[in-house]
């Protein structure tokens, strides 16, 4: 459960930081790409934020499911005894 909780916390932190940095990056790219003749819409719809967060959760859930099958076969006591 520790691994899954850590993965969930890191996913939430990544979504929050990614959304904030994504807005900054979008503004920079649009300001850089604009010319006098052509302008782009600078508004980001709420659904874009929602879909990006849901896709991140979906991918993270897929990784956790695949990790579950790998972690079932690890003997944790022996893993803690190893000196690696």
PDB file of N, CA and C in Angstrom:
ATOM      1  N   UNK A   1       0.823  -1.210   0.000  1.00  0.00           N
ATOM      2  CA  UNK A   1       0.000   0.000   0.000  1.00  0.00           C
ATOM      3  C   UNK A   1       0.863   1.269   0.000  1.00  0.00           C
ATOM      4  N   UNK A   2       2.067   1.158   0.598  1.00  0.00           N
ATOM      5  CA  UNK A   2       2.948   2.329   0.649  1.00  0.00           C
ATOM      6  C   UNK A   2       3.302   2.804  -0.759  1.00  0.00           C
ATOM      7  N   UNK A   3       3.596   1.863  -1.641  1.00  0.00           N
ATOM      8  CA  UNK A   3       3.976   2.212  -3.014  1.00  0.00           C
ATOM      9  C   UNK A   3       2.815   2.881  -3.732  1.00  0.00           C
ATOM     10  N   UNK A   4       1.604   2.366  -3.527  1.00  0.00           N
ATOM     11  CA  UNK A   4       0.432   2.925  -4.202  1.00  0.00           C
ATOM     12  C   UNK A   4       0.101   4.325  -3.685  1.00  0.00           C
ATOM     13  N   UNK A   5       0.222   4.517  -2.376  1.00  0.00           N
ATOM     14  CA  UNK A   5      -0.026   5.848  -1.807  1.00  0.00           C
ATOM     15  C   UNK A   5       0.991   6.863  -2.329  1.00  0.00           C
ATOM     16  N   UNK A   6       2.248   6.436  -2.374  1.00  0.00           N
ATOM     17  CA  UNK A   6       3.288   7.334  -2.870  1.00  0.00           C
ATOM     18  C   UNK A   6       3.027   7.688  -4.335  1.00  0.00           C
ATOM     19  N   UNK A   7       2.642   6.712  -5.128  1.00  0.00           N
ATOM     20  CA  UNK A   7       2.339   6.963  -6.533  1.00  0.00           C
ATOM     21  C   UNK A   7       1.147   7.906  -6.676  1.00  0.00           C
ATOM     22  N   UNK A   8       0.133   7.745  -5.856  1.00  0.00           N
ATOM     23  CA  UNK A   8      -1.041   8.613  -5.905  1.00  0.00           C
ATOM     24  C   UNK A   8      -0.696  10.049  -5.518  1.00  0.00           C
ATOM     25  N   UNK A   9       0.101  10.214  -4.466  1.00  0.00           N
ATOM     26  CA  UNK A   9       0.505  11.559  -4.036  1.00  0.00           C
ATOM     27  C   UNK A   9       1.345  12.236  -5.112  1.00  0.00           C
ATOM     28  N   UNK A  10       2.274  11.491  -5.710  1.00  0.00           N
ATOM     29  CA  UNK A  10       3.105  12.068  -6.763  1.00  0.00           C
ATOM     30  C   UNK A  10       2.273  12.410  -8.001  1.00  0.00           C
ATOM     31  N   UNK A  11       1.250  11.610  -8.281  1.00  0.00           N
ATOM     32  CA  UNK A  11       0.361  11.907  -9.400  1.00  0.00           C
ATOM     33  C   UNK A  11      -0.402  13.199  -9.153  1.00  0.00           C
ATOM     34  N   UNK A  12      -0.946  13.363  -7.953  1.00  0.00           N
ATOM     35  CA  UNK A  12      -1.674  14.591  -7.619  1.00  0.00           C
ATOM     36  C   UNK A  12      -0.765  15.814  -7.676  1.00  0.00           C
ATOM     37  N   UNK A  13       0.443  15.684  -7.138  1.00  0.00           N
ATOM     38  CA  UNK A  13       1.385  16.799  -7.185  1.00  0.00           C
ATOM     39  C   UNK A  13       1.764  17.127  -8.623  1.00  0.00           C
ATOM     40  N   UNK A  14       1.945  16.105  -9.457  1.00  0.00           N
ATOM     41  CA  UNK A  14       2.282  16.324 -10.857  1.00  0.00           C
ATOM     42  C   UNK A  14       1.170  17.010 -11.614  1.00  0.00           C
ATOM     43  N   UNK A  15      -0.070  16.641 -11.315  1.00  0.00           N
ATOM     44  CA  UNK A  15      -1.212  17.282 -11.980  1.00  0.00           C
ATOM     45  C   UNK A  15      -1.285  18.758 -11.602  1.00  0.00           C
ATOM     46  N   UNK A  16      -1.152  19.060 -10.330  1.00  0.00           N
ATOM     47  CA  UNK A  16      -1.252  20.448  -9.870  1.00  0.00           C
ATOM     48  C   UNK A  16      -0.126  21.304 -10.453  1.00  0.00           C
ATOM     49  N   UNK A  17       1.102  20.815 -10.359  1.00  0.00           N
ATOM     50  CA  UNK A  17       2.241  21.576 -10.884  1.00  0.00           C
ATOM     51  C   UNK A  17       2.166  21.655 -12.412  1.00  0.00           C
ATOM     52  N   UNK A  18       1.776  20.547 -13.047  1.00  0.00           N
ATOM     53  CA  UNK A  18       1.687  20.517 -14.504  1.00  0.00           C
ATOM     54  C   UNK A  18       0.647  21.464 -15.058  1.00  0.00           C
ATOM     55  N   UNK A  19      -0.492  21.578 -14.382  1.00  0.00           N
ATOM     56  CA  UNK A  19      -1.513  22.514 -14.849  1.00  0.00           C
ATOM     57  C   UNK A  19      -1.033  23.952 -14.732  1.00  0.00           C
ATOM     58  N   UNK A  20      -0.367  24.260 -13.645  1.00  0.00           N
ATOM     59  CA  UNK A  20       0.158  25.618 -13.469  1.00  0.00           C
ATOM     60  C   UNK A  20       1.235  25.956 -14.485  1.00  0.00           C
ATOM     61  N   UNK A  21       2.187  25.050 -14.663  1.00  0.00           N
ATOM     62  CA  UNK A  21       3.248  25.294 -15.634  1.00  0.00           C
ATOM     63  C   UNK A  21       2.733  25.235 -17.065  1.00  0.00           C
ATOM     64  N   UNK A  22       1.693  24.431 -17.296  1.00  0.00           N
ATOM     65  CA  UNK A  22       1.107  24.341 -18.629  1.00  0.00           C
ATOM     66  C   UNK A  22       0.476  25.651 -19.067  1.00  0.00           C
ATOM     67  N   UNK A  23      -0.161  26.341 -18.149  1.00  0.00           N
ATOM     68  CA  UNK A  23      -0.756  27.650 -18.468  1.00  0.00           C
ATOM     69  C   UNK A  23       0.342  28.640 -18.838  1.00  0.00           C
ATOM     70  N   UNK A  24       1.412  28.645 -18.067  1.00  0.00           N
ATOM     71  CA  UNK A  24       2.532  29.551 -18.344  1.00  0.00           C
ATOM     72  C   UNK A  24       3.157  29.217 -19.697  1.00  0.00           C
ATOM     73  N   UNK A  25       3.346  27.933 -19.969  1.00  0.00           N
ATOM     74  CA  UNK A  25       3.946  27.509 -21.230  1.00  0.00           C
ATOM     75  C   UNK A  25       3.055  27.848 -22.424  1.00  0.00           C
ATOM     76  N   UNK A  26       1.750  27.667 -22.256  1.00  0.00           N
ATOM     77  CA  UNK A  26       0.805  27.983 -23.330  1.00  0.00           C
ATOM     78  C   UNK A  26       0.859  29.470 -23.664  1.00  0.00           C
ATOM     79  N   UNK A  27       0.915  30.304 -22.654  1.00  0.00           N
ATOM     80  CA  UNK A  27       0.998  31.754 -22.893  1.00  0.00           C
ATOM     81  C   UNK A  27       2.280  32.113 -23.623  1.00  0.00           C
ATOM     82  N   UNK A  28       3.396  31.510 -23.207  1.00  0.00           N
ATOM     83  CA  UNK A  28       4.678  31.795 -23.841  1.00  0.00           C
ATOM     84  C   UNK A  28       4.683  31.362 -25.303  1.00  0.00           C
ATOM     85  N   UNK A  29       4.188  30.167 -25.576  1.00  0.00           N
ATOM     86  CA  UNK A  29       4.187  29.650 -26.950  1.00  0.00           C
ATOM     87  C   UNK A  29       3.293  30.512 -27.838  1.00  0.00           C
ATOM     88  N   UNK A  30       2.121  30.874 -27.352  1.00  0.00           N
ATOM     89  CA  UNK A  30       1.216  31.683 -28.169  1.00  0.00           C
ATOM     90  C   UNK A  30       1.770  33.085 -28.406  1.00  0.00           C
ATOM     91  N   UNK A  31       2.404  33.675 -27.412  1.00  0.00           N
ATOM     92  CA  UNK A  31       3.003  34.998 -27.611  1.00  0.00           C
ATOM     93  C   UNK A  31       4.166  34.931 -28.589  1.00  0.00           C
ATOM     94  N   UNK A  32       4.906  33.837 -28.560  1.00  0.00           N
ATOM     95  CA  UNK A  32       6.032  33.675 -29.456  1.00  0.00           C
ATOM     96  C   UNK A  32       5.569  33.427 -30.888  1.00  0.00           C
ATOM     97  N   UNK A  33       4.483  32.663 -31.065  1.00  0.00           N
ATOM     98  CA  UNK A  33       4.021  32.279 -32.397  1.00  0.00           C
ATOM     99  C   UNK A  33       3.163  33.337 -33.069  1.00  0.00           C
ATOM    100  N   UNK A  34       2.631  34.284 -32.322  1.00  0.00           N
ATOM    101  CA  UNK A  34       1.748  35.295 -32.910  1.00  0.00           C
ATOM    102  C   UNK A  34       2.525  36.256 -33.798  1.00  0.00           C
ATOM    103  N   UNK A  35       1.877  36.614 -34.880  1.00  0.00           N
ATOM    104  CA  UNK A  35       2.405  37.656 -35.755  1.00  0.00           C
ATOM    105  C   UNK A  35       1.314  38.715 -35.904  1.00  0.00           C
ATOM    106  N   UNK A  36       1.633  39.815 -36.586  1.00  0.00           N
ATOM    107  CA  UNK A  36       0.664  40.916 -36.708  1.00  0.00           C
ATOM    108  C   UNK A  36      -0.607  40.503 -37.438  1.00  0.00           C
ATOM    109  N   UNK A  37      -0.500  39.595 -38.387  1.00  0.00           N
ATOM    110  CA  UNK A  37      -1.639  39.209 -39.206  1.00  0.00           C
ATOM    111  C   UNK A  37      -2.489  38.132 -38.540  1.00  0.00           C
ATOM    112  N   UNK A  38      -1.882  37.335 -37.680  1.00  0.00           N
ATOM    113  CA  UNK A  38      -2.592  36.179 -37.121  1.00  0.00           C
ATOM    114  C   UNK A  38      -2.494  36.178 -35.596  1.00  0.00           C
ATOM    115  N   UNK A  39      -3.628  36.020 -34.944  1.00  0.00           N
ATOM    116  CA  UNK A  39      -3.698  35.940 -33.477  1.00  0.00           C
ATOM    117  C   UNK A  39      -4.375  34.640 -33.083  1.00  0.00           C
ATOM    118  N   UNK A  40      -4.016  34.122 -31.919  1.00  0.00           N
ATOM    119  CA  UNK A  40      -4.602  32.892 -31.400  1.00  0.00           C
ATOM    120  C   UNK A  40      -5.438  33.197 -30.161  1.00  0.00           C
ATOM    121  N   UNK A  41      -6.412  32.348 -29.902  1.00  0.00           N
ATOM    122  CA  UNK A  41      -7.212  32.486 -28.685  1.00  0.00           C
ATOM    123  C   UNK A  41      -6.364  32.080 -27.486  1.00  0.00           C
ATOM    124  N   UNK A  42      -6.361  32.898 -26.461  1.00  0.00           N
ATOM    125  CA  UNK A  42      -5.545  32.620 -25.272  1.00  0.00           C
ATOM    126  C   UNK A  42      -6.344  31.960 -24.159  1.00  0.00           C
ATOM    127  N   UNK A  43      -7.601  31.690 -24.402  1.00  0.00           N
ATOM    128  CA  UNK A  43      -8.461  31.111 -23.379  1.00  0.00           C
ATOM    129  C   UNK A  43      -8.344  29.591 -23.411  1.00  0.00           C
ATOM    130  N   UNK A  44      -8.182  28.985 -22.235  1.00  0.00           N
ATOM    131  CA  UNK A  44      -8.155  27.524 -22.098  1.00  0.00           C
ATOM    132  C   UNK A  44      -9.464  27.116 -21.436  1.00  0.00           C
ATOM    133  N   UNK A  45     -10.189  26.209 -22.059  1.00  0.00           N
ATOM    134  CA  UNK A  45     -11.454  25.746 -21.504  1.00  0.00           C
ATOM    135  C   UNK A  45     -11.227  24.863 -20.279  1.00  0.00           C
ATOM    136  N   UNK A  46     -12.191  24.882 -19.383  1.00  0.00           N
ATOM    137  CA  UNK A  46     -12.118  24.046 -18.177  1.00  0.00           C
ATOM    138  C   UNK A  46     -12.057  22.563 -18.534  1.00  0.00           C
ATOM    139  N   UNK A  47     -12.727  22.174 -19.608  1.00  0.00           N
ATOM    140  CA  UNK A  47     -12.724  20.759 -20.008  1.00  0.00           C
ATOM    141  C   UNK A  47     -11.322  20.287 -20.390  1.00  0.00           C
ATOM    142  N   UNK A  48     -10.489  21.180 -20.894  1.00  0.00           N
ATOM    143  CA  UNK A  48      -9.108  20.816 -21.217  1.00  0.00           C
ATOM    144  C   UNK A  48      -8.345  20.451 -19.946  1.00  0.00           C
ATOM    145  N   UNK A  49      -8.547  21.227 -18.885  1.00  0.00           N
ATOM    146  CA  UNK A  49      -7.915  20.907 -17.612  1.00  0.00           C
ATOM    147  C   UNK A  49      -8.450  19.584 -17.060  1.00  0.00           C
ATOM    148  N   UNK A  50      -9.761  19.406 -17.177  1.00  0.00           N
ATOM    149  CA  UNK A  50     -10.395  18.192 -16.674  1.00  0.00           C
ATOM    150  C   UNK A  50      -9.889  16.953 -17.404  1.00  0.00           C
ATOM    151  N   UNK A  51      -9.859  17.012 -18.731  1.00  0.00           N
ATOM    152  CA  UNK A  51      -9.411  15.855 -19.512  1.00  0.00           C
ATOM    153  C   UNK A  51      -7.940  15.541 -19.267  1.00  0.00           C
ATOM    154  N   UNK A  52      -7.108  16.556 -19.134  1.00  0.00           N
ATOM    155  CA  UNK A  52      -5.691  16.297 -18.892  1.00  0.00           C
ATOM    156  C   UNK A  52      -5.474  15.654 -17.523  1.00  0.00           C
ATOM    157  N   UNK A  53      -6.219  16.105 -16.510  1.00  0.00           N
ATOM    158  CA  UNK A  53      -6.115  15.481 -15.191  1.00  0.00           C
ATOM    159  C   UNK A  53      -6.629  14.051 -15.198  1.00  0.00           C
ATOM    160  N   UNK A  54      -7.753  13.818 -15.896  1.00  0.00           N
ATOM    161  CA  UNK A  54      -8.300  12.463 -15.966  1.00  0.00           C
ATOM    162  C   UNK A  54      -7.386  11.520 -16.728  1.00  0.00           C
ATOM    163  N   UNK A  55      -6.783  11.987 -17.812  1.00  0.00           N
ATOM    164  CA  UNK A  55      -5.845  11.141 -18.555  1.00  0.00           C
ATOM    165  C   UNK A  55      -4.610  10.811 -17.719  1.00  0.00           C
ATOM    166  N   UNK A  56      -4.159  11.758 -16.924  1.00  0.00           N
ATOM    167  CA  UNK A  56      -3.019  11.500 -16.045  1.00  0.00           C
ATOM    168  C   UNK A  56      -3.382  10.456 -14.995  1.00  0.00           C
ATOM    169  N   UNK A  57      -4.579  10.574 -14.404  1.00  0.00           N
ATOM    170  CA  UNK A  57      -5.035   9.575 -13.445  1.00  0.00           C
ATOM    171  C   UNK A  57      -5.199   8.204 -14.097  1.00  0.00           C
ATOM    172  N   UNK A  58      -5.712   8.177 -15.323  1.00  0.00           N
ATOM    173  CA  UNK A  58      -5.888   6.923 -16.035  1.00  0.00           C
ATOM    174  C   UNK A  58      -4.547   6.236 -16.281  1.00  0.00           C
ATOM    175  N   UNK A  59      -3.571   6.989 -16.749  1.00  0.00           N
ATOM    176  CA  UNK A  59      -2.248   6.434 -16.984  1.00  0.00           C
ATOM    177  C   UNK A  59      -1.607   5.964 -15.678  1.00  0.00           C
ATOM    178  N   UNK A  60      -1.744   6.747 -14.626  1.00  0.00           N
ATOM    179  CA  UNK A  60      -1.187   6.369 -13.332  1.00  0.00           C
ATOM    180  C   UNK A  60      -1.868   5.106 -12.798  1.00  0.00           C
ATOM    181  N   UNK A  61      -3.186   5.000 -12.984  1.00  0.00           N
ATOM    182  CA  UNK A  61      -3.899   3.794 -12.566  1.00  0.00           C
ATOM    183  C   UNK A  61      -3.441   2.573 -13.335  1.00  0.00           C
ATOM    184  N   UNK A  62      -3.193   2.729 -14.627  1.00  0.00           N
ATOM    185  CA  UNK A  62      -2.683   1.624 -15.435  1.00  0.00           C
ATOM    186  C   UNK A  62      -1.311   1.175 -14.941  1.00  0.00           C
ATOM    187  N   UNK A  63      -0.463   2.129 -14.615  1.00  0.00           N
ATOM    188  CA  UNK A  63       0.858   1.799 -14.077  1.00  0.00           C
ATOM    189  C   UNK A  63       0.723   1.072 -12.746  1.00  0.00           C
ATOM    190  N   UNK A  64      -0.195   1.526 -11.888  1.00  0.00           N
ATOM    191  CA  UNK A  64      -0.379   0.868 -10.590  1.00  0.00           C
ATOM    192  C   UNK A  64      -0.909  -0.559 -10.753  1.00  0.00           C
ATOM    193  N   UNK A  65      -1.787  -0.782 -11.730  1.00  0.00           N
ATOM    194  CA  UNK A  65      -2.292  -2.138 -11.974  1.00  0.00           C
ATOM    195  C   UNK A  65      -1.165  -3.042 -12.449  1.00  0.00           C
ATOM    196  N   UNK A  66      -0.344  -2.563 -13.370  1.00  0.00           N
ATOM    197  CA  UNK A  66       0.777  -3.365 -13.851  1.00  0.00           C
ATOM    198  C   UNK A  66       1.802  -3.607 -12.745  1.00  0.00           C
ATOM    199  N   UNK A  67       2.023  -2.609 -11.893  1.00  0.00           N
ATOM    200  CA  UNK A  67       2.954  -2.775 -10.771  1.00  0.00           C
ATOM    201  C   UNK A  67       2.433  -3.797  -9.775  1.00  0.00           C
ATOM    202  N   UNK A  68       1.124  -3.874  -9.601  1.00  0.00           N
ATOM    203  CA  UNK A  68       0.529  -4.801  -8.654  1.00  0.00           C
ATOM    204  C   UNK A  68       0.940  -6.241  -8.969  1.00  0.00           C
ATOM    205  N   UNK A  69       0.902  -6.595 -10.247  1.00  0.00           N
ATOM    206  CA  UNK A  69       1.258  -7.964 -10.628  1.00  0.00           C
ATOM    207  C   UNK A  69       2.745  -8.237 -10.436  1.00  0.00           C
ATOM    208  N   UNK A  70       3.586  -7.224 -10.625  1.00  0.00           N
ATOM    209  CA  UNK A  70       5.025  -7.391 -10.407  1.00  0.00           C
ATOM    210  C   UNK A  70       5.356  -7.454  -8.916  1.00  0.00           C
ATOM    211  N   UNK A  71       4.682  -6.628  -8.111  1.00  0.00           N
ATOM    212  CA  UNK A  71       4.999  -6.569  -6.680  1.00  0.00           C
ATOM    213  C   UNK A  71       4.489  -7.786  -5.909  1.00  0.00           C
ATOM    214  N   UNK A  72       3.513  -8.498  -6.473  1.00  0.00           N
ATOM    215  CA  UNK A  72       2.992  -9.682  -5.783  1.00  0.00           C
ATOM    216  C   UNK A  72       4.069 -10.752  -5.610  1.00  0.00           C
ATOM    217  N   UNK A  73       5.038 -10.789  -6.519  1.00  0.00           N
ATOM    218  CA  UNK A  73       6.037 -11.854  -6.503  1.00  0.00           C
ATOM    219  C   UNK A  73       7.329 -11.460  -5.794  1.00  0.00           C
ATOM    220  N   UNK A  74       7.374 -10.283  -5.188  1.00  0.00           N
ATOM    221  CA  UNK A  74       8.563  -9.849  -4.461  1.00  0.00           C
ATOM    222  C   UNK A  74       8.392 -10.192  -2.995  1.00  0.00           C
ATOM    223  N   UNK A  75       9.371 -10.898  -2.445  1.00  0.00           N
ATOM    224  CA  UNK A  75       9.376 -11.198  -1.016  1.00  0.00           C
ATOM    225  C   UNK A  75       9.972  -9.990  -0.290  1.00  0.00           C
ATOM    226  N   UNK A  76       9.136  -9.231   0.384  1.00  0.00           N
ATOM    227  CA  UNK A  76       9.572  -7.971   0.977  1.00  0.00           C
ATOM    228  C   UNK A  76      10.593  -8.178   2.093  1.00  0.00           C
ATOM    229  N   UNK A  77      10.476  -9.257   2.835  1.00  0.00           N
ATOM    230  CA  UNK A  77      11.455  -9.522   3.910  1.00  0.00           C
ATOM    231  C   UNK A  77      12.837  -9.739   3.311  1.00  0.00           C
ATOM    232  N   UNK A  78      12.915 -10.527   2.271  1.00  0.00           N
ATOM    233  CA  UNK A  78      14.202 -10.763   1.612  1.00  0.00           C
ATOM    234  C   UNK A  78      14.717  -9.500   0.930  1.00  0.00           C
ATOM    235  N   UNK A  79      13.831  -8.697   0.408  1.00  0.00           N
ATOM    236  CA  UNK A  79      14.234  -7.456  -0.246  1.00  0.00           C
ATOM    237  C   UNK A  79      14.840  -6.486   0.775  1.00  0.00           C
ATOM    238  N   UNK A  80      14.317  -6.472   2.003  1.00  0.00           N
ATOM    239  CA  UNK A  80      14.878  -5.596   3.031  1.00  0.00           C
ATOM    240  C   UNK A  80      16.211  -6.110   3.542  1.00  0.00           C
ATOM    241  N   UNK A  81      16.447  -7.393   3.460  1.00  0.00           N
ATOM    242  CA  UNK A  81      17.709  -7.976   3.918  1.00  0.00           C
ATOM    243  C   UNK A  81      18.851  -7.740   2.921  1.00  0.00           C
ATOM    244  N   UNK A  82      18.524  -7.524   1.673  1.00  0.00           N
ATOM    245  CA  UNK A  82      19.552  -7.321   0.641  1.00  0.00           C
ATOM    246  C   UNK A  82      20.344  -6.058   0.914  1.00  0.00           C
ATOM    247  N   UNK A  83      21.635  -6.097   0.596  1.00  0.00           N
ATOM    248  CA  UNK A  83      22.508  -4.956   0.876  1.00  0.00           C
ATOM    249  C   UNK A  83      22.780  -4.150  -0.385  1.00  0.00           C
ATOM    250  N   UNK A  84      21.832  -3.986  -1.217  1.00  0.00           N
ATOM    251  CA  UNK A  84      22.004  -3.223  -2.445  1.00  0.00           C
ATOM    252  C   UNK A  84      21.700  -1.775  -2.213  1.00  0.00           C
TER     253      UNK A  84
END
